[in-house]
Amino acid sequence: MRRPPWKLIGLAGLAGVAATGAVVARKRRAHAAYDPDELRDRLHRRLAEAAHNGAGDTPADGPAPGDGPSPADGPAPAA
C-alpha cells in the first residue's frame, strides 16, 4: 500500500489558507472604504426607518408597494 504524499497535502493546505486570507482581506478593504461619519449617518437613518416601520413590519426584500422611495434612494427626481 502506498503512503499518502504528505508534502503535497501540506502544500494544498497552505494554499487553501492563503486563498482564504486573500478573500478576507478583500472583504475588509470594502468595509474600510466607508468614512466613519457616513457609516454613522447610514446606521441612524436605518434605525429611524425601522422605528417608523414598526421594527420589522415590512418584508425582508424591500418596502411594500406604494410606500414610495426610501431615504436611502436619494432625493426625489425633479418634476
N, C-alpha and C. Protein backbone atom coordinates (compact mmCIF):
# COMPACT_ATOMS: atom_id res chain seq x y z
N MET A 1 0.85 -1.18 0.00
CA MET A 1 0.00 0.00 0.00
C MET A 1 0.89 1.24 0.00
N ARG A 2 0.52 2.20 -0.78
CA ARG A 2 1.30 3.42 -0.94
C ARG A 2 0.93 4.45 0.13
N ARG A 3 1.93 5.12 0.66
CA ARG A 3 1.71 6.15 1.70
C ARG A 3 1.26 7.45 1.03
N PRO A 4 0.43 8.23 1.71
CA PRO A 4 -0.02 9.50 1.11
C PRO A 4 1.14 10.50 1.01
N PRO A 5 1.14 11.28 -0.02
CA PRO A 5 2.23 12.27 -0.20
C PRO A 5 2.00 13.46 0.74
N TRP A 6 2.56 13.39 1.93
CA TRP A 6 2.32 14.40 2.96
C TRP A 6 2.76 15.79 2.52
N LYS A 7 3.80 15.85 1.72
CA LYS A 7 4.29 17.15 1.27
C LYS A 7 3.23 17.85 0.40
N LEU A 8 2.59 17.10 -0.48
CA LEU A 8 1.54 17.67 -1.33
C LEU A 8 0.31 18.06 -0.52
N ILE A 9 -0.05 17.25 0.45
CA ILE A 9 -1.20 17.57 1.31
C ILE A 9 -0.92 18.85 2.09
N GLY A 10 0.29 18.99 2.59
CA GLY A 10 0.66 20.20 3.33
C GLY A 10 0.65 21.44 2.44
N LEU A 11 1.15 21.30 1.21
CA LEU A 11 1.15 22.43 0.29
C LEU A 11 -0.27 22.82 -0.11
N ALA A 12 -1.15 21.84 -0.28
CA ALA A 12 -2.54 22.14 -0.61
C ALA A 12 -3.22 22.87 0.56
N GLY A 13 -2.93 22.45 1.77
CA GLY A 13 -3.49 23.13 2.93
C GLY A 13 -2.99 24.56 3.04
N LEU A 14 -1.72 24.75 2.79
CA LEU A 14 -1.13 26.09 2.83
C LEU A 14 -1.76 26.98 1.75
N ALA A 15 -1.98 26.45 0.58
CA ALA A 15 -2.62 27.22 -0.50
C ALA A 15 -4.05 27.60 -0.11
N GLY A 16 -4.76 26.69 0.55
CA GLY A 16 -6.12 26.99 1.00
C GLY A 16 -6.15 28.10 2.03
N VAL A 17 -5.21 28.08 2.96
CA VAL A 17 -5.13 29.13 3.97
C VAL A 17 -4.82 30.47 3.31
N ALA A 18 -3.92 30.49 2.36
CA ALA A 18 -3.56 31.73 1.67
C ALA A 18 -4.75 32.28 0.88
N ALA A 19 -5.49 31.40 0.21
CA ALA A 19 -6.65 31.85 -0.56
C ALA A 19 -7.72 32.42 0.36
N THR A 20 -7.94 31.78 1.50
CA THR A 20 -8.92 32.28 2.46
C THR A 20 -8.50 33.65 2.98
N GLY A 21 -7.23 33.82 3.26
CA GLY A 21 -6.73 35.12 3.71
C GLY A 21 -6.93 36.20 2.67
N ALA A 22 -6.75 35.87 1.41
CA ALA A 22 -6.95 36.85 0.35
C ALA A 22 -8.41 37.28 0.26
N VAL A 23 -9.32 36.33 0.41
CA VAL A 23 -10.75 36.66 0.36
C VAL A 23 -11.13 37.54 1.54
N VAL A 24 -10.65 37.23 2.72
CA VAL A 24 -10.95 38.03 3.91
C VAL A 24 -10.39 39.43 3.75
N ALA A 25 -9.18 39.56 3.25
CA ALA A 25 -8.56 40.88 3.07
C ALA A 25 -9.36 41.71 2.07
N ARG A 26 -9.86 41.11 1.03
CA ARG A 26 -10.64 41.83 0.03
C ARG A 26 -11.94 42.36 0.65
N LYS A 27 -12.60 41.53 1.46
CA LYS A 27 -13.84 41.96 2.10
C LYS A 27 -13.57 43.07 3.10
N ARG A 28 -12.48 43.00 3.83
CA ARG A 28 -12.16 44.04 4.81
C ARG A 28 -11.87 45.36 4.12
N ARG A 29 -11.24 45.32 2.96
CA ARG A 29 -10.98 46.57 2.23
C ARG A 29 -12.28 47.23 1.83
N ALA A 30 -13.28 46.44 1.43
CA ALA A 30 -14.56 47.01 1.04
C ALA A 30 -15.22 47.69 2.23
N HIS A 31 -15.11 47.13 3.41
CA HIS A 31 -15.70 47.74 4.60
C HIS A 31 -14.94 49.01 4.99
N ALA A 32 -13.65 49.02 4.82
CA ALA A 32 -12.84 50.15 5.22
C ALA A 32 -13.01 51.34 4.29
N ALA A 33 -13.68 51.16 3.14
CA ALA A 33 -13.85 52.24 2.19
C ALA A 33 -14.83 53.31 2.67
N TYR A 34 -15.65 53.01 3.67
CA TYR A 34 -16.63 53.96 4.17
C TYR A 34 -16.01 54.89 5.20
N ASP A 35 -16.39 56.15 5.14
CA ASP A 35 -15.99 57.14 6.14
C ASP A 35 -16.79 56.87 7.42
N PRO A 36 -16.20 56.95 8.60
CA PRO A 36 -16.94 56.66 9.83
C PRO A 36 -18.19 57.53 10.01
N ASP A 37 -18.12 58.80 9.60
CA ASP A 37 -19.29 59.68 9.71
C ASP A 37 -20.41 59.21 8.77
N GLU A 38 -20.02 58.76 7.57
CA GLU A 38 -21.01 58.26 6.62
C GLU A 38 -21.68 56.99 7.15
N LEU A 39 -20.89 56.09 7.72
CA LEU A 39 -21.46 54.88 8.31
C LEU A 39 -22.43 55.21 9.42
N ARG A 40 -22.05 56.15 10.29
CA ARG A 40 -22.90 56.53 11.41
C ARG A 40 -24.22 57.11 10.89
N ASP A 41 -24.16 57.97 9.86
CA ASP A 41 -25.38 58.55 9.30
C ASP A 41 -26.28 57.48 8.70
N ARG A 42 -25.67 56.52 7.99
CA ARG A 42 -26.47 55.44 7.38
C ARG A 42 -27.14 54.58 8.44
N LEU A 43 -26.41 54.29 9.53
CA LEU A 43 -26.99 53.47 10.59
C LEU A 43 -28.12 54.21 11.30
N HIS A 44 -27.95 55.51 11.54
CA HIS A 44 -29.02 56.29 12.16
C HIS A 44 -30.25 56.34 11.27
N ARG A 45 -30.04 56.47 9.96
CA ARG A 45 -31.16 56.50 9.02
C ARG A 45 -31.90 55.17 9.02
N ARG A 46 -31.15 54.05 9.03
CA ARG A 46 -31.79 52.73 9.06
C ARG A 46 -32.55 52.51 10.35
N LEU A 47 -32.00 53.00 11.48
CA LEU A 47 -32.69 52.87 12.76
C LEU A 47 -33.99 53.66 12.75
N ALA A 48 -33.96 54.87 12.20
CA ALA A 48 -35.17 55.68 12.11
C ALA A 48 -36.22 55.01 11.22
N GLU A 49 -35.78 54.41 10.11
CA GLU A 49 -36.71 53.69 9.23
C GLU A 49 -37.33 52.50 9.95
N ALA A 50 -36.53 51.76 10.69
CA ALA A 50 -37.04 50.59 11.40
C ALA A 50 -38.05 51.02 12.47
N ALA A 51 -37.77 52.11 13.17
CA ALA A 51 -38.70 52.60 14.18
C ALA A 51 -39.99 53.09 13.53
N HIS A 52 -39.86 53.73 12.37
CA HIS A 52 -41.03 54.25 11.66
C HIS A 52 -41.90 53.11 11.10
N ASN A 53 -41.26 52.05 10.64
CA ASN A 53 -41.98 50.92 10.03
C ASN A 53 -42.49 49.92 11.05
N GLY A 54 -42.26 50.13 12.31
CA GLY A 54 -42.73 49.19 13.32
C GLY A 54 -41.74 48.07 13.57
N ALA A 55 -40.49 48.28 13.26
CA ALA A 55 -39.41 47.33 13.54
C ALA A 55 -39.69 45.95 12.97
N GLY A 56 -39.86 45.89 11.65
CA GLY A 56 -39.95 44.57 11.02
C GLY A 56 -41.30 44.27 10.40
N ASP A 57 -42.15 45.26 10.23
CA ASP A 57 -43.45 45.01 9.62
C ASP A 57 -43.37 44.85 8.11
N THR A 58 -42.26 45.29 7.50
CA THR A 58 -42.13 45.17 6.06
C THR A 58 -41.40 43.88 5.72
N PRO A 59 -41.61 43.33 4.52
CA PRO A 59 -40.91 42.12 4.14
C PRO A 59 -39.42 42.38 4.00
N ALA A 60 -38.64 41.32 4.06
CA ALA A 60 -37.18 41.42 4.03
C ALA A 60 -36.67 41.86 2.67
N ASP A 61 -37.45 41.70 1.60
CA ASP A 61 -36.96 42.03 0.27
C ASP A 61 -37.19 43.49 -0.10
N GLY A 62 -37.73 44.32 0.79
CA GLY A 62 -37.86 45.73 0.49
C GLY A 62 -39.19 46.28 0.96
N PRO A 63 -39.44 47.55 0.67
CA PRO A 63 -40.68 48.17 1.11
C PRO A 63 -41.88 47.62 0.35
N ALA A 64 -43.02 47.76 0.96
CA ALA A 64 -44.26 47.30 0.33
C ALA A 64 -44.59 48.22 -0.84
N PRO A 65 -45.30 47.72 -1.85
CA PRO A 65 -45.66 48.57 -2.98
C PRO A 65 -46.48 49.76 -2.51
N GLY A 66 -46.17 50.93 -3.08
CA GLY A 66 -46.91 52.13 -2.72
C GLY A 66 -46.31 52.90 -1.56
N ASP A 67 -45.25 52.37 -0.92
CA ASP A 67 -44.63 53.07 0.19
C ASP A 67 -43.80 54.26 -0.29
N GLY A 68 -43.44 54.30 -1.56
CA GLY A 68 -42.63 55.39 -2.08
C GLY A 68 -41.16 55.09 -1.89
N PRO A 69 -40.33 56.01 -2.36
CA PRO A 69 -38.89 55.78 -2.24
C PRO A 69 -38.43 55.92 -0.80
N SER A 70 -37.40 55.18 -0.47
CA SER A 70 -36.83 55.28 0.87
C SER A 70 -35.78 56.38 0.88
N PRO A 71 -35.41 56.91 2.06
CA PRO A 71 -34.37 57.95 2.10
C PRO A 71 -33.04 57.47 1.55
N ALA A 72 -32.81 56.18 1.57
CA ALA A 72 -31.55 55.64 1.05
C ALA A 72 -31.48 55.76 -0.48
N ASP A 73 -32.63 55.94 -1.15
CA ASP A 73 -32.65 56.04 -2.60
C ASP A 73 -32.17 57.40 -3.09
N GLY A 74 -32.02 58.37 -2.19
CA GLY A 74 -31.57 59.69 -2.58
C GLY A 74 -32.73 60.62 -2.76
N PRO A 75 -32.48 61.84 -3.22
CA PRO A 75 -33.55 62.81 -3.37
C PRO A 75 -34.51 62.41 -4.49
N ALA A 76 -35.73 62.87 -4.36
CA ALA A 76 -36.75 62.57 -5.38
C ALA A 76 -36.41 63.32 -6.65
N PRO A 77 -36.69 62.74 -7.82
CA PRO A 77 -36.40 63.42 -9.07
C PRO A 77 -37.27 64.66 -9.24
N ALA A 78 -36.74 65.67 -9.90
CA ALA A 78 -37.49 66.90 -10.13
C ALA A 78 -38.59 66.65 -11.15
N ALA A 79 -39.72 67.28 -10.94
CA ALA A 79 -40.87 67.07 -11.84
C ALA A 79 -40.79 67.88 -13.09
